[in-house]
């Protein structure tokens, strides 16, 4: 697809704002936020159009993992740690330390996995336990300890690890002019994330983090080290080929779920050089997210086809 006139994208965004007013009003239970993104060249930056909602922030839930995994990958790269490195699961996945609402992929203590497998499990099925294993590995790396060093014996140790790594993530992104304040790498806490900063991160992923972007574009994981008999599927229903609403132009990015904050952040590939983003956040349930997202994607593609024939 080649849309030469950049003003045409703005026109599409404006039309969607007015067209879906009644739909948004119907599904707004107080937090609904709908945002459209146009990710341009590095020089042009990102065009952000909020078409519903009064707040300039969302409660991201597991969308937070995009920030955490980006940071983890950059740390591994800076320390020359290969992603095929094998590590052991430790006490960080002990249920007594974890929130009951945290989604887990079922990791067991002393299980051996590669860092690559843990990253896959963190992003594709959104496993919070996998994120915590990576968090402990990063903690050890930054403190010049063996990657498998066991650092958690009680809740105090666990909380200290989470606080330390969350602070490191925030500091790292601040150095990149991305201003966030997360309190847990999984997104299990009700932190606020400014929409503008989510746009900055996504632009950065598109331009410089091709490995993570390609990883996110997986419909499912492979069978990982006998964790379970079958594969883990992505939490993004639009990327599941067996789904009625499967769309091959959707290449990510992330879902996020907490009470009253059911979120879906989509990345739509327009062509090799241009991507659009759709954020539907603050829905009351997953069905509302699907209904709104399906309307937006269908309308977006119809408008793009019309513009291409003009």
C-alpha atoms as a PDB file:
ATOM      1  CA  UNK A   1       0.000   0.000   0.000  1.00  0.00           C
ATOM      2  CA  UNK A   2       1.260   3.404  -0.930  1.00  0.00           C
ATOM      3  CA  UNK A   3      -0.522   6.448   0.422  1.00  0.00           C
ATOM      4  CA  UNK A   4       1.563   9.392  -0.688  1.00  0.00           C
ATOM      5  CA  UNK A   5      -0.436  12.227   0.818  1.00  0.00           C
ATOM      6  CA  UNK A   6       0.149  12.169   4.555  1.00  0.00           C
ATOM      7  CA  UNK A   7      -2.936  14.340   5.081  1.00  0.00           C
ATOM      8  CA  UNK A   8      -5.078  11.422   3.930  1.00  0.00           C
ATOM      9  CA  UNK A   9      -4.293   9.502   7.105  1.00  0.00           C
ATOM     10  CA  UNK A  10      -5.369  12.495   9.193  1.00  0.00           C
ATOM     11  CA  UNK A  11      -8.608  12.600   7.218  1.00  0.00           C
ATOM     12  CA  UNK A  12      -9.253   8.914   7.919  1.00  0.00           C
ATOM     13  CA  UNK A  13      -8.654   9.476  11.633  1.00  0.00           C
ATOM     14  CA  UNK A  14     -11.018  12.469  11.739  1.00  0.00           C
ATOM     15  CA  UNK A  15     -13.768  10.567   9.941  1.00  0.00           C
ATOM     16  CA  UNK A  16     -13.490   7.658  12.376  1.00  0.00           C
ATOM     17  CA  UNK A  17     -13.830  10.027  15.334  1.00  0.00           C
ATOM     18  CA  UNK A  18     -17.222  11.302  14.167  1.00  0.00           C
ATOM     19  CA  UNK A  19     -18.468   8.037  12.674  1.00  0.00           C
ATOM     20  CA  UNK A  20     -18.108   5.986  15.866  1.00  0.00           C
ATOM     21  CA  UNK A  21     -19.273   8.557  18.414  1.00  0.00           C
ATOM     22  CA  UNK A  22     -22.421   6.598  19.302  1.00  0.00           C
ATOM     23  CA  UNK A  23     -20.534   3.284  19.458  1.00  0.00           C
ATOM     24  CA  UNK A  24     -17.957   4.705  21.850  1.00  0.00           C
ATOM     25  CA  UNK A  25     -20.645   6.323  23.988  1.00  0.00           C
ATOM     26  CA  UNK A  26     -22.476   2.998  24.259  1.00  0.00           C
ATOM     27  CA  UNK A  27     -19.412   1.125  25.511  1.00  0.00           C
ATOM     28  CA  UNK A  28     -17.928   3.832  27.722  1.00  0.00           C
ATOM     29  CA  UNK A  29     -18.285   2.849  31.371  1.00  0.00           C
ATOM     30  CA  UNK A  30     -15.984   5.613  32.556  1.00  0.00           C
ATOM     31  CA  UNK A  31     -12.537   4.649  31.281  1.00  0.00           C
ATOM     32  CA  UNK A  32     -12.910   4.018  27.535  1.00  0.00           C
ATOM     33  CA  UNK A  33     -10.001   5.487  25.603  1.00  0.00           C
ATOM     34  CA  UNK A  34      -9.547   5.086  21.860  1.00  0.00           C
ATOM     35  CA  UNK A  35      -6.402   6.368  20.166  1.00  0.00           C
ATOM     36  CA  UNK A  36      -5.078   6.155  16.608  1.00  0.00           C
ATOM     37  CA  UNK A  37      -1.367   6.378  15.826  1.00  0.00           C
ATOM     38  CA  UNK A  38       0.515   7.029  12.617  1.00  0.00           C
ATOM     39  CA  UNK A  39       4.136   5.989  12.970  1.00  0.00           C
ATOM     40  CA  UNK A  40       6.198   8.013  10.500  1.00  0.00           C
ATOM     41  CA  UNK A  41       9.893   8.418   9.804  1.00  0.00           C
ATOM     42  CA  UNK A  42      12.217   9.174  12.693  1.00  0.00           C
ATOM     43  CA  UNK A  43      12.401  12.803  11.635  1.00  0.00           C
ATOM     44  CA  UNK A  44       8.614  13.224  11.441  1.00  0.00           C
ATOM     45  CA  UNK A  45       7.844  11.428  14.697  1.00  0.00           C
ATOM     46  CA  UNK A  46       4.415  10.008  15.562  1.00  0.00           C
ATOM     47  CA  UNK A  47       0.994  11.407  14.758  1.00  0.00           C
ATOM     48  CA  UNK A  48      -1.387  10.662  17.657  1.00  0.00           C
ATOM     49  CA  UNK A  49      -5.133  11.223  17.413  1.00  0.00           C
ATOM     50  CA  UNK A  50      -7.264  10.480  20.466  1.00  0.00           C
ATOM     51  CA  UNK A  51     -10.769   9.927  19.120  1.00  0.00           C
ATOM     52  CA  UNK A  52     -12.447   9.068  22.429  1.00  0.00           C
ATOM     53  CA  UNK A  53     -11.735   9.719  26.103  1.00  0.00           C
ATOM     54  CA  UNK A  54     -10.747  12.704  28.197  1.00  0.00           C
ATOM     55  CA  UNK A  55      -7.664  11.268  29.888  1.00  0.00           C
ATOM     56  CA  UNK A  56      -4.185  11.455  28.383  1.00  0.00           C
ATOM     57  CA  UNK A  57      -3.217   8.194  30.093  1.00  0.00           C
ATOM     58  CA  UNK A  58      -4.347   4.592  30.481  1.00  0.00           C
ATOM     59  CA  UNK A  59      -3.863   1.832  33.027  1.00  0.00           C
ATOM     60  CA  UNK A  60      -1.774  -0.398  30.741  1.00  0.00           C
ATOM     61  CA  UNK A  61      -1.867  -3.714  32.631  1.00  0.00           C
ATOM     62  CA  UNK A  62       0.172  -6.221  30.574  1.00  0.00           C
ATOM     63  CA  UNK A  63       0.978  -3.631  27.894  1.00  0.00           C
ATOM     64  CA  UNK A  64       3.656  -2.721  30.455  1.00  0.00           C
ATOM     65  CA  UNK A  65       5.499  -5.871  29.353  1.00  0.00           C
ATOM     66  CA  UNK A  66       6.461  -4.117  26.106  1.00  0.00           C
ATOM     67  CA  UNK A  67       8.577  -1.715  28.161  1.00  0.00           C
ATOM     68  CA  UNK A  68       9.975  -4.415  30.445  1.00  0.00           C
ATOM     69  CA  UNK A  69      10.994  -6.809  27.675  1.00  0.00           C
ATOM     70  CA  UNK A  70      12.514  -3.998  25.603  1.00  0.00           C
ATOM     71  CA  UNK A  71      14.636  -3.080  28.617  1.00  0.00           C
ATOM     72  CA  UNK A  72      15.591  -6.705  29.344  1.00  0.00           C
ATOM     73  CA  UNK A  73      16.715  -7.250  25.747  1.00  0.00           C
ATOM     74  CA  UNK A  74      18.821  -4.097  25.787  1.00  0.00           C
ATOM     75  CA  UNK A  75      20.483  -5.148  29.063  1.00  0.00           C
ATOM     76  CA  UNK A  76      21.279  -8.621  27.692  1.00  0.00           C
ATOM     77  CA  UNK A  77      22.740  -7.008  24.591  1.00  0.00           C
ATOM     78  CA  UNK A  78      24.871  -4.557  26.578  1.00  0.00           C
ATOM     79  CA  UNK A  79      26.280  -7.427  28.690  1.00  0.00           C
ATOM     80  CA  UNK A  80      26.776  -9.657  25.623  1.00  0.00           C
ATOM     81  CA  UNK A  81      24.439 -12.301  27.027  1.00  0.00           C
ATOM     82  CA  UNK A  82      23.224 -14.709  24.336  1.00  0.00           C
ATOM     83  CA  UNK A  83      19.475 -15.355  24.266  1.00  0.00           C
ATOM     84  CA  UNK A  84      20.189 -19.086  24.005  1.00  0.00           C
ATOM     85  CA  UNK A  85      21.640 -18.941  27.528  1.00  0.00           C
ATOM     86  CA  UNK A  86      19.875 -21.449  29.780  1.00  0.00           C
ATOM     87  CA  UNK A  87      18.645 -20.335  33.203  1.00  0.00           C
ATOM     88  CA  UNK A  88      16.739 -21.999  36.022  1.00  0.00           C
ATOM     89  CA  UNK A  89      13.377 -20.944  37.406  1.00  0.00           C
ATOM     90  CA  UNK A  90      13.727 -19.900  41.053  1.00  0.00           C
ATOM     91  CA  UNK A  91      11.676 -18.833  44.046  1.00  0.00           C
ATOM     92  CA  UNK A  92      10.367 -15.782  42.197  1.00  0.00           C
ATOM     93  CA  UNK A  93       7.442 -17.861  40.863  1.00  0.00           C
ATOM     94  CA  UNK A  94       6.363 -19.080  44.321  1.00  0.00           C
ATOM     95  CA  UNK A  95       2.598 -18.508  44.508  1.00  0.00           C
ATOM     96  CA  UNK A  96       2.806 -16.952  47.956  1.00  0.00           C
ATOM     97  CA  UNK A  97       4.645 -13.965  46.470  1.00  0.00           C
ATOM     98  CA  UNK A  98       2.403 -13.476  43.430  1.00  0.00           C
ATOM     99  CA  UNK A  99      -0.879 -11.673  42.919  1.00  0.00           C
ATOM    100  CA  UNK A 100      -3.786 -14.144  42.517  1.00  0.00           C
ATOM    101  CA  UNK A 101      -4.858 -12.281  39.355  1.00  0.00           C
ATOM    102  CA  UNK A 102      -1.467 -12.659  37.649  1.00  0.00           C
ATOM    103  CA  UNK A 103      -1.669 -14.815  34.508  1.00  0.00           C
ATOM    104  CA  UNK A 104       0.933 -17.572  34.625  1.00  0.00           C
ATOM    105  CA  UNK A 105       2.134 -20.091  32.048  1.00  0.00           C
ATOM    106  CA  UNK A 106       2.849 -22.703  34.708  1.00  0.00           C
ATOM    107  CA  UNK A 107       6.592 -22.500  35.254  1.00  0.00           C
ATOM    108  CA  UNK A 108       7.989 -24.750  37.970  1.00  0.00           C
ATOM    109  CA  UNK A 109      10.978 -24.156  40.203  1.00  0.00           C
ATOM    110  CA  UNK A 110      14.289 -25.530  38.843  1.00  0.00           C
ATOM    111  CA  UNK A 111      12.849 -25.805  35.338  1.00  0.00           C
ATOM    112  CA  UNK A 112      15.496 -24.904  32.757  1.00  0.00           C
ATOM    113  CA  UNK A 113      14.653 -22.591  29.876  1.00  0.00           C
ATOM    114  CA  UNK A 114      16.543 -20.336  27.516  1.00  0.00           C
ATOM    115  CA  UNK A 115      16.226 -16.578  27.843  1.00  0.00           C
ATOM    116  CA  UNK A 116      14.624 -16.604  24.398  1.00  0.00           C
ATOM    117  CA  UNK A 117      11.934 -19.022  25.606  1.00  0.00           C
ATOM    118  CA  UNK A 118      11.221 -16.828  28.627  1.00  0.00           C
ATOM    119  CA  UNK A 119      10.891 -13.748  26.416  1.00  0.00           C
ATOM    120  CA  UNK A 120       8.494 -15.630  24.127  1.00  0.00           C
ATOM    121  CA  UNK A 121       6.393 -16.734  27.112  1.00  0.00           C
ATOM    122  CA  UNK A 122       6.351 -13.199  28.502  1.00  0.00           C
ATOM    123  CA  UNK A 123       5.058 -11.606  25.301  1.00  0.00           C
ATOM    124  CA  UNK A 124       3.000 -14.080  23.253  1.00  0.00           C
ATOM    125  CA  UNK A 125       0.793 -15.698  25.962  1.00  0.00           C
ATOM    126  CA  UNK A 126       1.709 -12.858  28.396  1.00  0.00           C
ATOM    127  CA  UNK A 127       3.076 -15.055  31.178  1.00  0.00           C
ATOM    128  CA  UNK A 128       3.701 -13.046  34.333  1.00  0.00           C
ATOM    129  CA  UNK A 129       5.742 -15.843  35.895  1.00  0.00           C
ATOM    130  CA  UNK A 130       8.117 -15.770  32.897  1.00  0.00           C
ATOM    131  CA  UNK A 131       8.560 -12.016  33.378  1.00  0.00           C
ATOM    132  CA  UNK A 132       9.501 -12.559  37.017  1.00  0.00           C
ATOM    133  CA  UNK A 133      12.145 -15.138  36.097  1.00  0.00           C
ATOM    134  CA  UNK A 134      13.664 -12.616  33.687  1.00  0.00           C
ATOM    135  CA  UNK A 135      13.407  -9.954  36.393  1.00  0.00           C
ATOM    136  CA  UNK A 136      15.484 -12.078  38.773  1.00  0.00           C
ATOM    137  CA  UNK A 137      18.031 -12.832  36.039  1.00  0.00           C
ATOM    138  CA  UNK A 138      18.395  -9.113  35.274  1.00  0.00           C
ATOM    139  CA  UNK A 139      18.690  -8.339  38.999  1.00  0.00           C
ATOM    140  CA  UNK A 140      21.581 -10.788  39.284  1.00  0.00           C
ATOM    141  CA  UNK A 141      23.214  -9.471  36.130  1.00  0.00           C
ATOM    142  CA  UNK A 142      23.118  -5.859  37.281  1.00  0.00           C
ATOM    143  CA  UNK A 143      24.452  -6.845  40.704  1.00  0.00           C
ATOM    144  CA  UNK A 144      27.277  -8.921  39.182  1.00  0.00           C
ATOM    145  CA  UNK A 145      25.979 -12.244  40.472  1.00  0.00           C
ATOM    146  CA  UNK A 146      25.509 -15.602  38.787  1.00  0.00           C
ATOM    147  CA  UNK A 147      22.350 -15.496  36.647  1.00  0.00           C
ATOM    148  CA  UNK A 148      20.890 -18.427  38.587  1.00  0.00           C
ATOM    149  CA  UNK A 149      21.670 -16.990  41.994  1.00  0.00           C
ATOM    150  CA  UNK A 150      18.671 -17.477  44.312  1.00  0.00           C
ATOM    151  CA  UNK A 151      17.825 -14.102  45.862  1.00  0.00           C
ATOM    152  CA  UNK A 152      14.318 -14.603  47.228  1.00  0.00           C
ATOM    153  CA  UNK A 153      13.536 -16.277  50.524  1.00  0.00           C
ATOM    154  CA  UNK A 154      10.566 -14.173  51.672  1.00  0.00           C
ATOM    155  CA  UNK A 155       8.119 -11.481  50.572  1.00  0.00           C
ATOM    156  CA  UNK A 156      10.560  -8.727  51.534  1.00  0.00           C
ATOM    157  CA  UNK A 157      13.162 -10.095  49.112  1.00  0.00           C
ATOM    158  CA  UNK A 158      10.577 -10.375  46.335  1.00  0.00           C
ATOM    159  CA  UNK A 159       9.321  -6.827  46.874  1.00  0.00           C
ATOM    160  CA  UNK A 160      12.877  -5.467  46.894  1.00  0.00           C
ATOM    161  CA  UNK A 161      13.617  -7.179  43.569  1.00  0.00           C
ATOM    162  CA  UNK A 162      10.470  -5.746  41.982  1.00  0.00           C
ATOM    163  CA  UNK A 163      11.167  -2.255  43.322  1.00  0.00           C
ATOM    164  CA  UNK A 164      14.794  -2.305  42.168  1.00  0.00           C
ATOM    165  CA  UNK A 165      14.109  -3.520  38.622  1.00  0.00           C
ATOM    166  CA  UNK A 166      11.075  -1.246  38.165  1.00  0.00           C
ATOM    167  CA  UNK A 167      13.247   1.721  39.098  1.00  0.00           C
ATOM    168  CA  UNK A 168      15.932   0.576  36.635  1.00  0.00           C
ATOM    169  CA  UNK A 169      13.346   0.303  33.847  1.00  0.00           C
ATOM    170  CA  UNK A 170      12.012   3.794  34.565  1.00  0.00           C
ATOM    171  CA  UNK A 171      15.532   5.260  34.654  1.00  0.00           C
ATOM    172  CA  UNK A 172      16.528   3.523  31.440  1.00  0.00           C
ATOM    173  CA  UNK A 173      13.582   4.885  29.484  1.00  0.00           C
ATOM    174  CA  UNK A 174      14.020   8.352  30.969  1.00  0.00           C
ATOM    175  CA  UNK A 175      17.478   8.338  29.364  1.00  0.00           C
ATOM    176  CA  UNK A 176      15.683   7.707  26.042  1.00  0.00           C
ATOM    177  CA  UNK A 177      13.235  10.599  26.659  1.00  0.00           C
ATOM    178  CA  UNK A 178      10.413   8.145  27.334  1.00  0.00           C
ATOM    179  CA  UNK A 179       8.869   9.024  30.670  1.00  0.00           C
ATOM    180  CA  UNK A 180       7.156   6.191  32.521  1.00  0.00           C
ATOM    181  CA  UNK A 181       6.681   5.205  36.127  1.00  0.00           C
ATOM    182  CA  UNK A 182       5.950   1.510  36.475  1.00  0.00           C
ATOM    183  CA  UNK A 183       5.973  -0.299  39.811  1.00  0.00           C
ATOM    184  CA  UNK A 184       6.016  -3.899  38.546  1.00  0.00           C
ATOM    185  CA  UNK A 185       7.470  -5.306  35.290  1.00  0.00           C
ATOM    186  CA  UNK A 186       4.361  -7.418  34.646  1.00  0.00           C
ATOM    187  CA  UNK A 187       1.935  -4.491  34.793  1.00  0.00           C
ATOM    188  CA  UNK A 188      -0.089  -6.160  37.555  1.00  0.00           C
ATOM    189  CA  UNK A 189      -0.336  -2.877  39.472  1.00  0.00           C
ATOM    190  CA  UNK A 190      -2.642  -0.062  38.438  1.00  0.00           C
ATOM    191  CA  UNK A 191       0.065   2.287  37.183  1.00  0.00           C
ATOM    192  CA  UNK A 192      -0.752   5.132  34.815  1.00  0.00           C
ATOM    193  CA  UNK A 193       0.914   5.317  31.413  1.00  0.00           C
ATOM    194  CA  UNK A 194       0.716   8.420  29.235  1.00  0.00           C
ATOM    195  CA  UNK A 195      -0.482   7.680  25.719  1.00  0.00           C
ATOM    196  CA  UNK A 196       2.316   9.820  24.279  1.00  0.00           C
ATOM    197  CA  UNK A 197       4.971   7.592  25.898  1.00  0.00           C
ATOM    198  CA  UNK A 198       3.378   4.444  24.498  1.00  0.00           C
ATOM    199  CA  UNK A 199       3.630   6.066  21.096  1.00  0.00           C
ATOM    200  CA  UNK A 200       7.315   6.840  21.648  1.00  0.00           C
ATOM    201  CA  UNK A 201       8.091   3.254  22.645  1.00  0.00           C
ATOM    202  CA  UNK A 202       6.259   1.799  19.661  1.00  0.00           C
ATOM    203  CA  UNK A 203       8.068   4.122  17.275  1.00  0.00           C
ATOM    204  CA  UNK A 204      11.328   2.952  18.836  1.00  0.00           C
ATOM    205  CA  UNK A 205      10.360  -0.713  18.406  1.00  0.00           C
ATOM    206  CA  UNK A 206       9.544  -0.172  14.739  1.00  0.00           C
ATOM    207  CA  UNK A 207      12.773   1.683  14.025  1.00  0.00           C
ATOM    208  CA  UNK A 208      15.350  -0.190  16.110  1.00  0.00           C
ATOM    209  CA  UNK A 209      13.956  -3.307  17.837  1.00  0.00           C
ATOM    210  CA  UNK A 210      13.194  -5.614  14.928  1.00  0.00           C
ATOM    211  CA  UNK A 211      13.854  -8.763  16.971  1.00  0.00           C
ATOM    212  CA  UNK A 212      11.130  -7.944  19.494  1.00  0.00           C
ATOM    213  CA  UNK A 213       8.737  -6.745  16.806  1.00  0.00           C
ATOM    214  CA  UNK A 214       9.194 -10.011  14.895  1.00  0.00           C
ATOM    215  CA  UNK A 215       8.699 -11.981  18.097  1.00  0.00           C
ATOM    216  CA  UNK A 216       5.442 -10.153  18.835  1.00  0.00           C
ATOM    217  CA  UNK A 217       4.271 -11.044  15.338  1.00  0.00           C
ATOM    218  CA  UNK A 218       4.015 -14.733  16.266  1.00  0.00           C
ATOM    219  CA  UNK A 219       0.582 -16.287  16.422  1.00  0.00           C
ATOM    220  CA  UNK A 220       1.824 -18.868  18.921  1.00  0.00           C
ATOM    221  CA  UNK A 221       4.929 -20.163  20.645  1.00  0.00           C
ATOM    222  CA  UNK A 222       6.595 -23.397  19.787  1.00  0.00           C
ATOM    223  CA  UNK A 223       6.363 -26.232  22.306  1.00  0.00           C
ATOM    224  CA  UNK A 224       8.772 -25.093  24.974  1.00  0.00           C
ATOM    225  CA  UNK A 225      10.714 -27.653  26.932  1.00  0.00           C
ATOM    226  CA  UNK A 226       7.690 -29.788  27.781  1.00  0.00           C
ATOM    227  CA  UNK A 227       6.011 -27.038  29.820  1.00  0.00           C
ATOM    228  CA  UNK A 228       2.740 -28.211  28.321  1.00  0.00           C
ATOM    229  CA  UNK A 229       1.633 -30.594  25.582  1.00  0.00           C
ATOM    230  CA  UNK A 230       0.605 -27.939  23.080  1.00  0.00           C
ATOM    231  CA  UNK A 231       1.696 -24.456  22.096  1.00  0.00           C
ATOM    232  CA  UNK A 232       0.751 -21.184  23.730  1.00  0.00           C
ATOM    233  CA  UNK A 233      -1.363 -18.908  21.553  1.00  0.00           C
ATOM    234  CA  UNK A 234      -1.123 -15.142  21.382  1.00  0.00           C
ATOM    235  CA  UNK A 235      -3.576 -13.178  23.518  1.00  0.00           C
ATOM    236  CA  UNK A 236      -4.312 -11.005  20.446  1.00  0.00           C
ATOM    237  CA  UNK A 237      -7.355 -12.659  18.816  1.00  0.00           C
ATOM    238  CA  UNK A 238      -6.857 -10.724  15.549  1.00  0.00           C
ATOM    239  CA  UNK A 239      -3.596 -12.617  14.994  1.00  0.00           C
ATOM    240  CA  UNK A 240      -5.064 -16.114  15.404  1.00  0.00           C
ATOM    241  CA  UNK A 241      -5.527 -17.651  11.958  1.00  0.00           C
ATOM    242  CA  UNK A 242      -8.451 -19.832  13.030  1.00  0.00           C
ATOM    243  CA  UNK A 243     -10.314 -16.766  14.299  1.00  0.00           C
ATOM    244  CA  UNK A 244     -13.131 -15.287  12.224  1.00  0.00           C
ATOM    245  CA  UNK A 245     -11.579 -11.825  12.567  1.00  0.00           C
ATOM    246  CA  UNK A 246      -7.995 -12.804  11.723  1.00  0.00           C
ATOM    247  CA  UNK A 247      -6.229  -9.998   9.873  1.00  0.00           C
ATOM    248  CA  UNK A 248      -2.824 -10.599   8.232  1.00  0.00           C
ATOM    249  CA  UNK A 249      -1.973  -6.896   8.399  1.00  0.00           C
ATOM    250  CA  UNK A 250      -2.088  -6.939  12.205  1.00  0.00           C
ATOM    251  CA  UNK A 251       1.459  -7.663  13.442  1.00  0.00           C
ATOM    252  CA  UNK A 252       1.074  -7.002  17.172  1.00  0.00           C
ATOM    253  CA  UNK A 253       1.283  -5.551  19.714  1.00  0.00           C
ATOM    254  CA  UNK A 254      -0.178  -6.390  23.130  1.00  0.00           C
ATOM    255  CA  UNK A 255      -3.234  -6.970  25.252  1.00  0.00           C
ATOM    256  CA  UNK A 256      -3.637  -5.930  28.875  1.00  0.00           C
ATOM    257  CA  UNK A 257      -6.261  -6.876  31.433  1.00  0.00           C
ATOM    258  CA  UNK A 258      -7.102  -5.597  34.893  1.00  0.00           C
ATOM    259  CA  UNK A 259     -10.505  -4.883  36.407  1.00  0.00           C
ATOM    260  CA  UNK A 260     -12.251  -2.151  34.353  1.00  0.00           C
ATOM    261  CA  UNK A 261      -9.215  -1.956  32.065  1.00  0.00           C
ATOM    262  CA  UNK A 262      -9.474  -4.450  29.226  1.00  0.00           C
ATOM    263  CA  UNK A 263      -7.017  -3.168  26.634  1.00  0.00           C
ATOM    264  CA  UNK A 264      -5.878  -4.014  23.121  1.00  0.00           C
ATOM    265  CA  UNK A 265      -3.028  -2.220  21.367  1.00  0.00           C
ATOM    266  CA  UNK A 266      -2.815  -3.147  17.678  1.00  0.00           C
ATOM    267  CA  UNK A 267      -0.069  -2.477  15.166  1.00  0.00           C
ATOM    268  CA  UNK A 268      -1.285  -2.375  11.569  1.00  0.00           C
ATOM    269  CA  UNK A 269       1.303  -2.690   8.796  1.00  0.00           C
ATOM    270  CA  UNK A 270       0.389  -0.313   5.994  1.00  0.00           C
ATOM    271  CA  UNK A 271       3.574  -0.944   4.027  1.00  0.00           C
ATOM    272  CA  UNK A 272       7.259  -1.590   4.698  1.00  0.00           C
ATOM    273  CA  UNK A 273       7.820   1.977   5.853  1.00  0.00           C
ATOM    274  CA  UNK A 274       4.584   2.909   7.557  1.00  0.00           C
ATOM    275  CA  UNK A 275       2.569   1.470  10.426  1.00  0.00           C
ATOM    276  CA  UNK A 276      -0.652   2.554  12.083  1.00  0.00           C
ATOM    277  CA  UNK A 277      -1.608   1.876  15.678  1.00  0.00           C
ATOM    278  CA  UNK A 278      -5.006   1.389  17.285  1.00  0.00           C
ATOM    279  CA  UNK A 279      -5.362   1.520  21.056  1.00  0.00           C
ATOM    280  CA  UNK A 280      -8.666   0.484  22.620  1.00  0.00           C
ATOM    281  CA  UNK A 281      -8.323   0.745  26.397  1.00  0.00           C
ATOM    282  CA  UNK A 282     -10.481   0.914  29.491  1.00  0.00           C
ATOM    283  CA  UNK A 283     -13.215  -1.455  28.303  1.00  0.00           C
ATOM    284  CA  UNK A 284     -15.416  -3.235  30.813  1.00  0.00           C
ATOM    285  CA  UNK A 285     -14.764  -6.677  29.288  1.00  0.00           C
ATOM    286  CA  UNK A 286     -13.012  -8.478  26.429  1.00  0.00           C
ATOM    287  CA  UNK A 287     -16.120  -8.623  24.254  1.00  0.00           C
ATOM    288  CA  UNK A 288     -16.361  -4.827  24.268  1.00  0.00           C
ATOM    289  CA  UNK A 289     -12.720  -4.625  23.186  1.00  0.00           C
ATOM    290  CA  UNK A 290     -13.399  -7.011  20.294  1.00  0.00           C
ATOM    291  CA  UNK A 291     -16.532  -5.182  19.160  1.00  0.00           C
ATOM    292  CA  UNK A 292     -14.853  -1.777  19.074  1.00  0.00           C
ATOM    293  CA  UNK A 293     -11.628  -3.090  17.512  1.00  0.00           C
ATOM    294  CA  UNK A 294     -13.468  -4.980  14.768  1.00  0.00           C
ATOM    295  CA  UNK A 295     -15.420  -1.854  13.789  1.00  0.00           C
ATOM    296  CA  UNK A 296     -12.273   0.260  13.690  1.00  0.00           C
ATOM    297  CA  UNK A 297     -10.201  -2.228  11.666  1.00  0.00           C
ATOM    298  CA  UNK A 298     -13.003  -2.813   9.151  1.00  0.00           C
ATOM    299  CA  UNK A 299     -13.530   0.911   8.671  1.00  0.00           C
ATOM    300  CA  UNK A 300      -9.808   1.630   8.473  1.00  0.00           C
ATOM    301  CA  UNK A 301      -9.269  -0.902   5.710  1.00  0.00           C
ATOM    302  CA  UNK A 302     -12.290   0.312   3.748  1.00  0.00           C
ATOM    303  CA  UNK A 303     -11.002   3.876   3.899  1.00  0.00           C
ATOM    304  CA  UNK A 304      -7.501   2.827   2.850  1.00  0.00           C
ATOM    305  CA  UNK A 305      -8.881   0.940  -0.161  1.00  0.00           C
ATOM    306  CA  UNK A 306     -10.936   3.980  -1.196  1.00  0.00           C
ATOM    307  CA  UNK A 307      -7.928   6.267  -0.968  1.00  0.00           C
ATOM    308  CA  UNK A 308      -5.821   3.935  -3.062  1.00  0.00           C
ATOM    309  CA  UNK A 309      -8.355   4.024  -5.897  1.00  0.00           C
ATOM    310  CA  UNK A 310      -8.559   7.831  -5.967  1.00  0.00           C
END
